[in-house]
Amino acid sequence: MRTRGLRLVWALCLLLCTAIVARAQTPVVKVLFFHSPSCHKCEVLIEEYWPSMFEKYGDKLQVMFIDVSYPQNLVMWQAAEDDAGVAAQDHGVPGVIIGQNLIIGDEPIKAELGALIDAYLAQGGVGFPLLATATGTPGATPGPTSSPTPGSPAGGSSNAGLRPWLAGIAAALALGAGLLWSQRRRKHQS
């Protein structure tokens, strides 16, 4: 009877680990959204567009909201626009970067972003792009960000999916070890 109970516990632990690994392998698309508090179209996107996108994609979509009213963020956005070949007179916000794609303007974002998210999800997801600083150094970290809508992470790391997986394995191993110790202890007491 004890062996059967132990097998059942190990089977449950294995199921838990399998579910956690499957969750960690769910594709995720990460998007940079550049906005300004003084931009009316940005605020409309934040209040109306992004909540519907989070509802549609759930955990498969992560957006870093980057406020270009901070000089460091503005420099990065302008460098990204320059790198994409956007003419200086066409620079502005709102804008997004998803994978290798840069989209400027509220209407183009609404028209194009959903299809890009679907395409990247079909390819297994895409992480946040590396941006250049004013000195041309890749891998810049954006300055202050904001998360104006619930459920929209302000950032996240590219290994965010790994942490739940490791926590699940550790919990399963701890549970299994605790049960094994408990059974051995009962066996020695008998």
N, C-alpha and C. Protein backbone atom coordinates (compact mmCIF):
# COMPACT_ATOMS: atom_id res chain seq x y z
N MET A 1 0.82 -1.20 0.00
CA MET A 1 0.00 0.00 0.00
C MET A 1 0.86 1.26 0.00
N ARG A 2 1.95 1.23 0.79
CA ARG A 2 2.83 2.39 0.85
C ARG A 2 3.51 2.62 -0.50
N THR A 3 3.92 1.57 -1.15
CA THR A 3 4.57 1.69 -2.44
C THR A 3 3.61 2.28 -3.46
N ARG A 4 2.36 1.87 -3.41
CA ARG A 4 1.35 2.39 -4.33
C ARG A 4 1.14 3.89 -4.09
N GLY A 5 1.08 4.28 -2.84
CA GLY A 5 0.92 5.70 -2.51
C GLY A 5 2.11 6.52 -2.99
N LEU A 6 3.31 5.98 -2.82
CA LEU A 6 4.51 6.67 -3.26
C LEU A 6 4.51 6.81 -4.78
N ARG A 7 4.11 5.76 -5.47
CA ARG A 7 4.03 5.83 -6.94
C ARG A 7 3.02 6.89 -7.38
N LEU A 8 1.92 6.97 -6.68
CA LEU A 8 0.90 7.96 -7.01
C LEU A 8 1.45 9.38 -6.83
N VAL A 9 2.17 9.59 -5.74
CA VAL A 9 2.76 10.90 -5.49
C VAL A 9 3.78 11.24 -6.57
N TRP A 10 4.62 10.29 -6.94
CA TRP A 10 5.62 10.54 -7.99
C TRP A 10 4.94 10.80 -9.33
N ALA A 11 3.85 10.11 -9.61
CA ALA A 11 3.11 10.35 -10.85
C ALA A 11 2.53 11.76 -10.86
N LEU A 12 2.00 12.20 -9.72
CA LEU A 12 1.47 13.56 -9.63
C LEU A 12 2.58 14.60 -9.80
N CYS A 13 3.74 14.33 -9.21
CA CYS A 13 4.88 15.24 -9.36
C CYS A 13 5.31 15.32 -10.82
N LEU A 14 5.34 14.18 -11.49
CA LEU A 14 5.71 14.15 -12.90
C LEU A 14 4.71 14.94 -13.74
N LEU A 15 3.43 14.77 -13.44
CA LEU A 15 2.39 15.53 -14.15
C LEU A 15 2.57 17.03 -13.93
N LEU A 16 2.83 17.43 -12.70
CA LEU A 16 3.05 18.83 -12.39
C LEU A 16 4.24 19.38 -13.15
N CYS A 17 5.33 18.65 -13.17
CA CYS A 17 6.54 19.10 -13.89
C CYS A 17 6.27 19.21 -15.38
N THR A 18 5.56 18.25 -15.94
CA THR A 18 5.24 18.28 -17.37
C THR A 18 4.40 19.50 -17.70
N ALA A 19 3.41 19.81 -16.85
CA ALA A 19 2.56 20.98 -17.08
C ALA A 19 3.37 22.27 -16.99
N ILE A 20 4.30 22.33 -16.06
CA ILE A 20 5.11 23.53 -15.89
C ILE A 20 6.06 23.70 -17.07
N VAL A 21 6.65 22.61 -17.54
CA VAL A 21 7.53 22.68 -18.71
C VAL A 21 6.74 23.13 -19.93
N ALA A 22 5.55 22.59 -20.12
CA ALA A 22 4.71 22.98 -21.26
C ALA A 22 4.38 24.47 -21.18
N ARG A 23 4.10 24.96 -19.99
CA ARG A 23 3.77 26.38 -19.80
C ARG A 23 4.99 27.25 -20.13
N ALA A 24 6.16 26.79 -19.72
CA ALA A 24 7.38 27.56 -19.96
C ALA A 24 7.72 27.61 -21.45
N GLN A 25 7.25 26.64 -22.23
CA GLN A 25 7.56 26.59 -23.65
C GLN A 25 6.49 27.27 -24.50
N THR A 26 5.50 27.88 -23.88
CA THR A 26 4.48 28.61 -24.62
C THR A 26 5.15 29.81 -25.30
N PRO A 27 4.91 29.98 -26.60
CA PRO A 27 5.55 31.12 -27.28
C PRO A 27 5.06 32.45 -26.72
N VAL A 28 5.97 33.40 -26.65
CA VAL A 28 5.67 34.74 -26.16
C VAL A 28 6.23 35.75 -27.15
N VAL A 29 5.43 36.77 -27.44
CA VAL A 29 5.87 37.87 -28.29
C VAL A 29 6.06 39.09 -27.40
N LYS A 30 7.23 39.70 -27.50
CA LYS A 30 7.55 40.87 -26.68
C LYS A 30 7.66 42.09 -27.58
N VAL A 31 6.96 43.14 -27.18
CA VAL A 31 6.83 44.35 -28.00
C VAL A 31 7.28 45.56 -27.19
N LEU A 32 8.00 46.46 -27.84
CA LEU A 32 8.33 47.75 -27.24
C LEU A 32 7.33 48.77 -27.77
N PHE A 33 6.65 49.49 -26.88
CA PHE A 33 5.70 50.53 -27.26
C PHE A 33 6.22 51.86 -26.77
N PHE A 34 6.54 52.75 -27.71
CA PHE A 34 7.06 54.06 -27.37
C PHE A 34 5.91 55.06 -27.40
N HIS A 35 5.80 55.84 -26.34
CA HIS A 35 4.69 56.78 -26.21
C HIS A 35 5.14 58.02 -25.45
N SER A 36 4.27 59.02 -25.44
CA SER A 36 4.52 60.23 -24.68
C SER A 36 3.24 60.64 -23.97
N PRO A 37 3.34 61.12 -22.74
CA PRO A 37 2.14 61.57 -22.03
C PRO A 37 1.44 62.75 -22.74
N SER A 38 2.17 63.48 -23.57
CA SER A 38 1.58 64.62 -24.28
C SER A 38 0.97 64.22 -25.63
N CYS A 39 1.01 62.93 -25.95
CA CYS A 39 0.51 62.43 -27.24
C CYS A 39 -0.89 61.86 -27.04
N HIS A 40 -1.89 62.52 -27.61
CA HIS A 40 -3.28 62.07 -27.47
C HIS A 40 -3.48 60.69 -28.10
N LYS A 41 -2.92 60.45 -29.27
CA LYS A 41 -3.08 59.16 -29.94
C LYS A 41 -2.44 58.03 -29.12
N CYS A 42 -1.34 58.35 -28.45
CA CYS A 42 -0.69 57.37 -27.57
C CYS A 42 -1.63 56.97 -26.44
N GLU A 43 -2.23 57.98 -25.82
CA GLU A 43 -3.13 57.73 -24.69
C GLU A 43 -4.35 56.92 -25.12
N VAL A 44 -4.88 57.18 -26.31
CA VAL A 44 -6.01 56.41 -26.82
C VAL A 44 -5.60 54.94 -27.02
N LEU A 45 -4.41 54.73 -27.57
CA LEU A 45 -3.93 53.35 -27.72
C LEU A 45 -3.79 52.67 -26.36
N ILE A 46 -3.23 53.38 -25.41
CA ILE A 46 -3.02 52.82 -24.07
C ILE A 46 -4.35 52.46 -23.42
N GLU A 47 -5.33 53.31 -23.55
CA GLU A 47 -6.61 53.10 -22.87
C GLU A 47 -7.55 52.17 -23.62
N GLU A 48 -7.46 52.12 -24.94
CA GLU A 48 -8.44 51.35 -25.71
C GLU A 48 -7.85 50.16 -26.47
N TYR A 49 -6.72 50.37 -27.12
CA TYR A 49 -6.16 49.31 -27.98
C TYR A 49 -5.45 48.22 -27.18
N TRP A 50 -4.52 48.64 -26.31
CA TRP A 50 -3.72 47.64 -25.60
C TRP A 50 -4.55 46.72 -24.72
N PRO A 51 -5.56 47.20 -23.99
CA PRO A 51 -6.36 46.25 -23.20
C PRO A 51 -7.00 45.15 -24.06
N SER A 52 -7.46 45.50 -25.26
CA SER A 52 -8.05 44.47 -26.12
C SER A 52 -6.99 43.48 -26.60
N MET A 53 -5.78 43.95 -26.82
CA MET A 53 -4.70 43.06 -27.24
C MET A 53 -4.30 42.11 -26.10
N PHE A 54 -4.26 42.64 -24.86
CA PHE A 54 -3.94 41.77 -23.73
C PHE A 54 -5.04 40.75 -23.51
N GLU A 55 -6.27 41.14 -23.74
CA GLU A 55 -7.39 40.21 -23.61
C GLU A 55 -7.30 39.12 -24.67
N LYS A 56 -6.95 39.49 -25.88
CA LYS A 56 -6.87 38.54 -26.99
C LYS A 56 -5.71 37.56 -26.82
N TYR A 57 -4.54 38.07 -26.46
CA TYR A 57 -3.33 37.24 -26.45
C TYR A 57 -2.93 36.75 -25.06
N GLY A 58 -3.43 37.35 -24.01
CA GLY A 58 -3.10 36.90 -22.66
C GLY A 58 -1.61 36.91 -22.39
N ASP A 59 -1.12 35.80 -21.82
CA ASP A 59 0.30 35.68 -21.44
C ASP A 59 1.23 35.55 -22.64
N LYS A 60 0.69 35.42 -23.82
CA LYS A 60 1.51 35.28 -25.02
C LYS A 60 2.05 36.63 -25.50
N LEU A 61 1.59 37.71 -24.89
CA LEU A 61 2.01 39.05 -25.29
C LEU A 61 2.55 39.79 -24.08
N GLN A 62 3.76 40.32 -24.23
CA GLN A 62 4.35 41.18 -23.21
C GLN A 62 4.75 42.48 -23.88
N VAL A 63 4.38 43.58 -23.27
CA VAL A 63 4.67 44.89 -23.83
C VAL A 63 5.42 45.73 -22.81
N MET A 64 6.52 46.33 -23.26
CA MET A 64 7.24 47.28 -22.43
C MET A 64 6.82 48.67 -22.90
N PHE A 65 6.16 49.42 -22.03
CA PHE A 65 5.72 50.77 -22.33
C PHE A 65 6.89 51.71 -22.02
N ILE A 66 7.37 52.42 -23.03
CA ILE A 66 8.55 53.27 -22.87
C ILE A 66 8.15 54.73 -23.14
N ASP A 67 8.28 55.54 -22.11
CA ASP A 67 7.89 56.95 -22.16
C ASP A 67 9.04 57.77 -22.73
N VAL A 68 8.83 58.35 -23.93
CA VAL A 68 9.89 59.11 -24.58
C VAL A 68 10.06 60.52 -24.02
N SER A 69 9.29 60.88 -23.01
CA SER A 69 9.53 62.17 -22.38
C SER A 69 10.79 62.12 -21.51
N TYR A 70 11.34 60.93 -21.30
CA TYR A 70 12.64 60.78 -20.64
C TYR A 70 13.71 60.80 -21.73
N PRO A 71 14.72 61.65 -21.59
CA PRO A 71 15.72 61.83 -22.66
C PRO A 71 16.37 60.53 -23.14
N GLN A 72 16.73 59.65 -22.21
CA GLN A 72 17.38 58.40 -22.59
C GLN A 72 16.46 57.58 -23.51
N ASN A 73 15.17 57.54 -23.21
CA ASN A 73 14.23 56.78 -24.01
C ASN A 73 14.01 57.43 -25.38
N LEU A 74 13.97 58.76 -25.40
CA LEU A 74 13.80 59.47 -26.67
C LEU A 74 14.98 59.21 -27.59
N VAL A 75 16.19 59.23 -27.04
CA VAL A 75 17.39 58.97 -27.84
C VAL A 75 17.33 57.57 -28.44
N MET A 76 16.92 56.60 -27.65
CA MET A 76 16.82 55.23 -28.17
C MET A 76 15.78 55.11 -29.26
N TRP A 77 14.61 55.75 -29.06
CA TRP A 77 13.55 55.68 -30.06
C TRP A 77 14.00 56.35 -31.36
N GLN A 78 14.64 57.51 -31.25
CA GLN A 78 15.11 58.19 -32.45
C GLN A 78 16.19 57.39 -33.17
N ALA A 79 17.06 56.74 -32.40
CA ALA A 79 18.09 55.89 -33.01
C ALA A 79 17.45 54.69 -33.73
N ALA A 80 16.41 54.13 -33.13
CA ALA A 80 15.72 53.01 -33.79
C ALA A 80 15.05 53.48 -35.07
N GLU A 81 14.44 54.66 -35.03
CA GLU A 81 13.83 55.21 -36.24
C GLU A 81 14.88 55.46 -37.32
N ASP A 82 16.03 56.02 -36.94
CA ASP A 82 17.11 56.26 -37.90
C ASP A 82 17.62 54.94 -38.48
N ASP A 83 17.82 53.94 -37.62
CA ASP A 83 18.31 52.63 -38.08
C ASP A 83 17.34 51.98 -39.06
N ALA A 84 16.04 52.25 -38.89
CA ALA A 84 15.03 51.67 -39.78
C ALA A 84 14.87 52.49 -41.06
N GLY A 85 15.60 53.59 -41.18
CA GLY A 85 15.54 54.40 -42.37
C GLY A 85 14.36 55.35 -42.42
N VAL A 86 13.79 55.67 -41.27
CA VAL A 86 12.66 56.60 -41.21
C VAL A 86 13.21 58.02 -41.36
N ALA A 87 12.63 58.76 -42.30
CA ALA A 87 13.05 60.15 -42.52
C ALA A 87 12.78 60.98 -41.27
N ALA A 88 13.64 61.94 -41.00
CA ALA A 88 13.54 62.76 -39.78
C ALA A 88 12.17 63.41 -39.65
N GLN A 89 11.58 63.86 -40.76
CA GLN A 89 10.27 64.51 -40.67
C GLN A 89 9.15 63.53 -40.33
N ASP A 90 9.42 62.23 -40.44
CA ASP A 90 8.41 61.21 -40.12
C ASP A 90 8.60 60.61 -38.73
N HIS A 91 9.61 61.08 -38.00
CA HIS A 91 9.83 60.60 -36.63
C HIS A 91 8.64 60.99 -35.76
N GLY A 92 8.32 60.15 -34.78
CA GLY A 92 7.27 60.49 -33.84
C GLY A 92 6.75 59.29 -33.08
N VAL A 93 5.76 59.54 -32.25
CA VAL A 93 5.09 58.50 -31.48
C VAL A 93 3.59 58.62 -31.76
N PRO A 94 2.86 57.57 -31.52
CA PRO A 94 3.22 56.28 -30.95
C PRO A 94 4.00 55.42 -31.94
N GLY A 95 4.76 54.52 -31.38
CA GLY A 95 5.52 53.60 -32.21
C GLY A 95 5.77 52.30 -31.49
N VAL A 96 5.93 51.24 -32.26
CA VAL A 96 6.25 49.93 -31.68
C VAL A 96 7.42 49.33 -32.43
N ILE A 97 8.14 48.50 -31.70
CA ILE A 97 9.15 47.63 -32.31
C ILE A 97 8.79 46.22 -31.89
N ILE A 98 8.63 45.36 -32.88
CA ILE A 98 8.34 43.95 -32.65
C ILE A 98 9.27 43.16 -33.57
N GLY A 99 10.16 42.39 -32.98
CA GLY A 99 11.15 41.68 -33.78
C GLY A 99 11.98 42.68 -34.58
N GLN A 100 12.00 42.51 -35.89
CA GLN A 100 12.75 43.41 -36.77
C GLN A 100 11.86 44.48 -37.38
N ASN A 101 10.64 44.61 -36.90
CA ASN A 101 9.66 45.53 -37.47
C ASN A 101 9.47 46.76 -36.59
N LEU A 102 9.44 47.94 -37.23
CA LEU A 102 9.16 49.18 -36.55
C LEU A 102 7.92 49.78 -37.21
N ILE A 103 6.94 50.14 -36.40
CA ILE A 103 5.69 50.72 -36.90
C ILE A 103 5.48 52.05 -36.18
N ILE A 104 5.19 53.10 -36.96
CA ILE A 104 4.94 54.42 -36.39
C ILE A 104 3.51 54.85 -36.73
N GLY A 105 2.80 55.35 -35.73
CA GLY A 105 1.46 55.88 -35.94
C GLY A 105 0.38 54.97 -35.40
N ASP A 106 -0.69 55.56 -34.90
CA ASP A 106 -1.74 54.76 -34.29
C ASP A 106 -2.47 53.87 -35.30
N GLU A 107 -2.79 54.40 -36.47
CA GLU A 107 -3.51 53.60 -37.46
C GLU A 107 -2.66 52.45 -38.01
N PRO A 108 -1.40 52.69 -38.39
CA PRO A 108 -0.56 51.57 -38.81
C PRO A 108 -0.38 50.51 -37.72
N ILE A 109 -0.27 50.95 -36.45
CA ILE A 109 -0.14 49.99 -35.36
C ILE A 109 -1.38 49.12 -35.30
N LYS A 110 -2.55 49.74 -35.34
CA LYS A 110 -3.80 48.98 -35.28
C LYS A 110 -3.94 48.04 -36.49
N ALA A 111 -3.49 48.49 -37.65
CA ALA A 111 -3.66 47.70 -38.88
C ALA A 111 -2.66 46.55 -39.00
N GLU A 112 -1.44 46.73 -38.48
CA GLU A 112 -0.38 45.77 -38.76
C GLU A 112 0.05 44.90 -37.58
N LEU A 113 -0.10 45.39 -36.37
CA LEU A 113 0.50 44.71 -35.22
C LEU A 113 -0.09 43.32 -34.97
N GLY A 114 -1.40 43.17 -35.06
CA GLY A 114 -2.02 41.86 -34.80
C GLY A 114 -1.46 40.78 -35.70
N ALA A 115 -1.31 41.06 -36.99
CA ALA A 115 -0.78 40.07 -37.93
C ALA A 115 0.68 39.73 -37.60
N LEU A 116 1.44 40.74 -37.19
CA LEU A 116 2.84 40.48 -36.82
C LEU A 116 2.92 39.61 -35.56
N ILE A 117 2.06 39.90 -34.58
CA ILE A 117 2.04 39.08 -33.36
C ILE A 117 1.71 37.64 -33.72
N ASP A 118 0.68 37.43 -34.54
CA ASP A 118 0.30 36.08 -34.96
C ASP A 118 1.45 35.38 -35.68
N ALA A 119 2.13 36.10 -36.57
CA ALA A 119 3.24 35.50 -37.31
C ALA A 119 4.38 35.10 -36.38
N TYR A 120 4.73 35.98 -35.44
CA TYR A 120 5.80 35.65 -34.49
C TYR A 120 5.40 34.52 -33.55
N LEU A 121 4.14 34.46 -33.13
CA LEU A 121 3.69 33.34 -32.29
C LEU A 121 3.82 32.03 -33.06
N ALA A 122 3.48 32.04 -34.34
CA ALA A 122 3.58 30.83 -35.17
C ALA A 122 5.04 30.39 -35.31
N GLN A 123 5.97 31.33 -35.22
CA GLN A 123 7.40 31.02 -35.31
C GLN A 123 8.01 30.66 -33.95
N GLY A 124 7.20 30.67 -32.89
CA GLY A 124 7.72 30.33 -31.57
C GLY A 124 7.97 31.52 -30.67
N GLY A 125 7.54 32.72 -31.08
CA GLY A 125 7.68 33.91 -30.25
C GLY A 125 8.90 34.72 -30.65
N VAL A 126 9.03 35.89 -30.03
CA VAL A 126 10.16 36.78 -30.28
C VAL A 126 10.41 37.60 -29.01
N GLY A 127 11.68 37.84 -28.71
CA GLY A 127 12.04 38.60 -27.52
C GLY A 127 12.10 40.09 -27.80
N PHE A 128 12.43 40.85 -26.76
CA PHE A 128 12.61 42.29 -26.92
C PHE A 128 13.85 42.52 -27.78
N PRO A 129 13.78 43.49 -28.69
CA PRO A 129 14.95 43.77 -29.53
C PRO A 129 16.02 44.52 -28.74
N LEU A 130 17.25 44.37 -29.18
CA LEU A 130 18.33 45.16 -28.60
C LEU A 130 18.32 46.50 -29.29
N LEU A 131 18.44 47.55 -28.53
CA LEU A 131 18.44 48.90 -29.09
C LEU A 131 19.81 49.52 -28.93
N ALA A 132 20.09 50.51 -29.74
CA ALA A 132 21.36 51.22 -29.66
C ALA A 132 21.18 52.48 -28.84
N THR A 133 22.23 52.85 -28.14
CA THR A 133 22.21 54.12 -27.41
C THR A 133 22.73 55.21 -28.33
N ALA A 134 22.82 56.41 -27.84
CA ALA A 134 23.32 57.52 -28.64
C ALA A 134 24.76 57.28 -29.08
N THR A 135 25.50 56.47 -28.32
CA THR A 135 26.89 56.19 -28.68
C THR A 135 26.99 54.99 -29.61
N GLY A 136 25.85 54.39 -29.94
CA GLY A 136 25.85 53.26 -30.86
C GLY A 136 26.06 51.92 -30.18
N THR A 137 26.03 51.88 -28.87
CA THR A 137 26.24 50.64 -28.14
C THR A 137 24.97 49.80 -28.15
N PRO A 138 25.04 48.57 -28.70
CA PRO A 138 23.83 47.74 -28.68
C PRO A 138 23.51 47.26 -27.27
N GLY A 139 22.27 46.90 -27.07
CA GLY A 139 21.85 46.32 -25.80
C GLY A 139 21.49 47.34 -24.75
N ALA A 140 21.10 48.52 -25.17
CA ALA A 140 20.76 49.56 -24.20
C ALA A 140 19.53 49.17 -23.40
N THR A 141 19.50 49.60 -22.17
CA THR A 141 18.35 49.36 -21.31
C THR A 141 17.50 50.61 -21.28
N PRO A 142 16.20 50.49 -21.60
CA PRO A 142 15.35 51.69 -21.55
C PRO A 142 15.33 52.29 -20.15
N GLY A 143 15.12 53.58 -20.09
CA GLY A 143 14.99 54.28 -18.82
C GLY A 143 13.62 54.03 -18.23
N PRO A 144 13.10 54.97 -17.47
CA PRO A 144 11.83 54.76 -16.79
C PRO A 144 10.70 54.36 -17.74
N THR A 145 9.92 53.39 -17.31
CA THR A 145 8.80 52.91 -18.10
C THR A 145 7.55 53.03 -17.26
N SER A 146 6.44 52.78 -17.89
CA SER A 146 5.18 52.79 -17.15
C SER A 146 4.33 51.64 -17.63
N SER A 147 3.48 51.13 -16.77
CA SER A 147 2.53 50.09 -17.13
C SER A 147 1.14 50.62 -16.86
N PRO A 148 0.57 51.33 -17.82
CA PRO A 148 -0.70 51.99 -17.55
C PRO A 148 -1.91 51.07 -17.51
N THR A 149 -1.77 49.85 -17.97
CA THR A 149 -2.93 48.96 -17.95
C THR A 149 -2.63 47.72 -17.14
N PRO A 150 -3.60 47.23 -16.36
CA PRO A 150 -3.38 46.01 -15.59
C PRO A 150 -3.05 44.86 -16.53
N GLY A 151 -2.14 44.03 -16.07
CA GLY A 151 -1.79 42.86 -16.85
C GLY A 151 -0.79 43.14 -17.95
N SER A 152 -0.27 44.34 -18.02
CA SER A 152 0.73 44.64 -19.03
C SER A 152 2.06 44.83 -18.34
N PRO A 153 2.94 43.83 -18.42
CA PRO A 153 4.21 43.94 -17.74
C PRO A 153 5.04 45.09 -18.29
N ALA A 154 5.72 45.76 -17.41
CA ALA A 154 6.55 46.88 -17.82
C ALA A 154 7.84 46.40 -18.44
N GLY A 155 8.10 45.17 -18.37
CA GLY A 155 9.33 44.67 -18.96
C GLY A 155 9.37 43.18 -18.83
N GLY A 156 10.41 42.69 -18.23
CA GLY A 156 10.55 41.26 -18.13
C GLY A 156 11.84 40.87 -18.80
N SER A 157 12.37 39.76 -18.43
CA SER A 157 13.60 39.31 -19.04
C SER A 157 13.29 38.20 -20.02
N SER A 158 14.25 37.93 -20.89
CA SER A 158 14.02 36.92 -21.90
C SER A 158 13.97 35.52 -21.30
N ASN A 159 14.41 35.34 -20.07
CA ASN A 159 14.34 34.04 -19.43
C ASN A 159 13.21 33.96 -18.42
N ALA A 160 12.22 34.83 -18.54
CA ALA A 160 11.13 34.85 -17.56
C ALA A 160 10.38 33.53 -17.53
N GLY A 161 10.30 32.83 -18.67
CA GLY A 161 9.61 31.54 -18.70
C GLY A 161 10.37 30.45 -17.98
N LEU A 162 11.64 30.65 -17.73
CA LEU A 162 12.44 29.62 -17.09
C LEU A 162 12.19 29.55 -15.59
N ARG A 163 11.95 30.67 -14.96
CA ARG A 163 11.79 30.69 -13.51
C ARG A 163 10.64 29.82 -13.01
N PRO A 164 9.44 29.86 -13.60
CA PRO A 164 8.37 28.98 -13.12
C PRO A 164 8.73 27.51 -13.30
N TRP A 165 9.43 27.19 -14.37
CA TRP A 165 9.83 25.82 -14.63
C TRP A 165 10.77 25.33 -13.52
N LEU A 166 11.77 26.13 -13.19
CA LEU A 166 12.71 25.74 -12.13
C LEU A 166 12.00 25.65 -10.77
N ALA A 167 11.10 26.58 -10.51
CA ALA A 167 10.36 26.55 -9.25
C ALA A 167 9.50 25.29 -9.17
N GLY A 168 8.89 24.91 -10.27
CA GLY A 168 8.06 23.70 -10.30
C GLY A 168 8.88 22.45 -10.06
N ILE A 169 10.03 22.35 -10.70
CA ILE A 169 10.91 21.19 -10.50
C ILE A 169 11.37 21.14 -9.05
N ALA A 170 11.77 22.29 -8.50
CA ALA A 170 12.23 22.33 -7.11
C ALA A 170 11.11 21.91 -6.16
N ALA A 171 9.90 22.40 -6.42
CA ALA A 171 8.77 22.03 -5.56
C ALA A 171 8.47 20.55 -5.66
N ALA A 172 8.50 20.01 -6.87
CA ALA A 172 8.22 18.58 -7.05
C ALA A 172 9.29 17.74 -6.36
N LEU A 173 10.56 18.12 -6.50
CA LEU A 173 11.64 17.38 -5.85
C LEU A 173 11.54 17.47 -4.33
N ALA A 174 11.22 18.66 -3.83
CA ALA A 174 11.07 18.83 -2.39
C ALA A 174 9.91 17.99 -1.86
N LEU A 175 8.81 17.99 -2.58
CA LEU A 175 7.65 17.19 -2.18
C LEU A 175 8.00 15.71 -2.18
N GLY A 176 8.65 15.27 -3.25
CA GLY A 176 9.03 13.85 -3.34
C GLY A 176 10.01 13.46 -2.25
N ALA A 177 11.00 14.31 -1.99
CA ALA A 177 11.99 14.01 -0.95
C ALA A 177 11.32 13.98 0.42
N GLY A 178 10.40 14.92 0.65
CA GLY A 178 9.70 14.95 1.93
C GLY A 178 8.87 13.70 2.15
N LEU A 179 8.18 13.25 1.12
CA LEU A 179 7.37 12.04 1.23
C LEU A 179 8.23 10.80 1.42
N LEU A 180 9.35 10.75 0.67
CA LEU A 180 10.26 9.62 0.81
C LEU A 180 10.83 9.58 2.23
N TRP A 181 11.24 10.73 2.77
CA TRP A 181 11.78 10.79 4.12
C TRP A 181 10.71 10.37 5.12
N SER A 182 9.48 10.82 4.91
CA SER A 182 8.38 10.48 5.81
C SER A 182 8.12 8.98 5.81
N GLN A 183 8.16 8.36 4.64
CA GLN A 183 7.92 6.92 4.57
C GLN A 183 9.06 6.15 5.22
N ARG A 184 10.28 6.58 4.98
CA ARG A 184 11.43 5.88 5.61
C ARG A 184 11.36 6.02 7.12
N ARG A 185 10.95 7.18 7.58
CA ARG A 185 10.86 7.42 9.02
C ARG A 185 9.80 6.48 9.63
N ARG A 186 8.67 6.36 8.97
CA ARG A 186 7.61 5.45 9.47
C ARG A 186 8.09 4.01 9.46
N LYS A 187 8.82 3.64 8.43
CA LYS A 187 9.33 2.28 8.31
C LYS A 187 10.29 1.95 9.46
N HIS A 188 11.15 2.89 9.81
CA HIS A 188 12.08 2.67 10.90
C HIS A 188 11.40 2.67 12.26
N GLN A 189 10.28 3.38 12.39
CA GLN A 189 9.55 3.42 13.65
C GLN A 189 8.77 2.14 13.85
N SER A 190 8.43 1.44 12.79
CA SER A 190 7.64 0.20 12.90
C SER A 190 8.42 -0.97 13.37
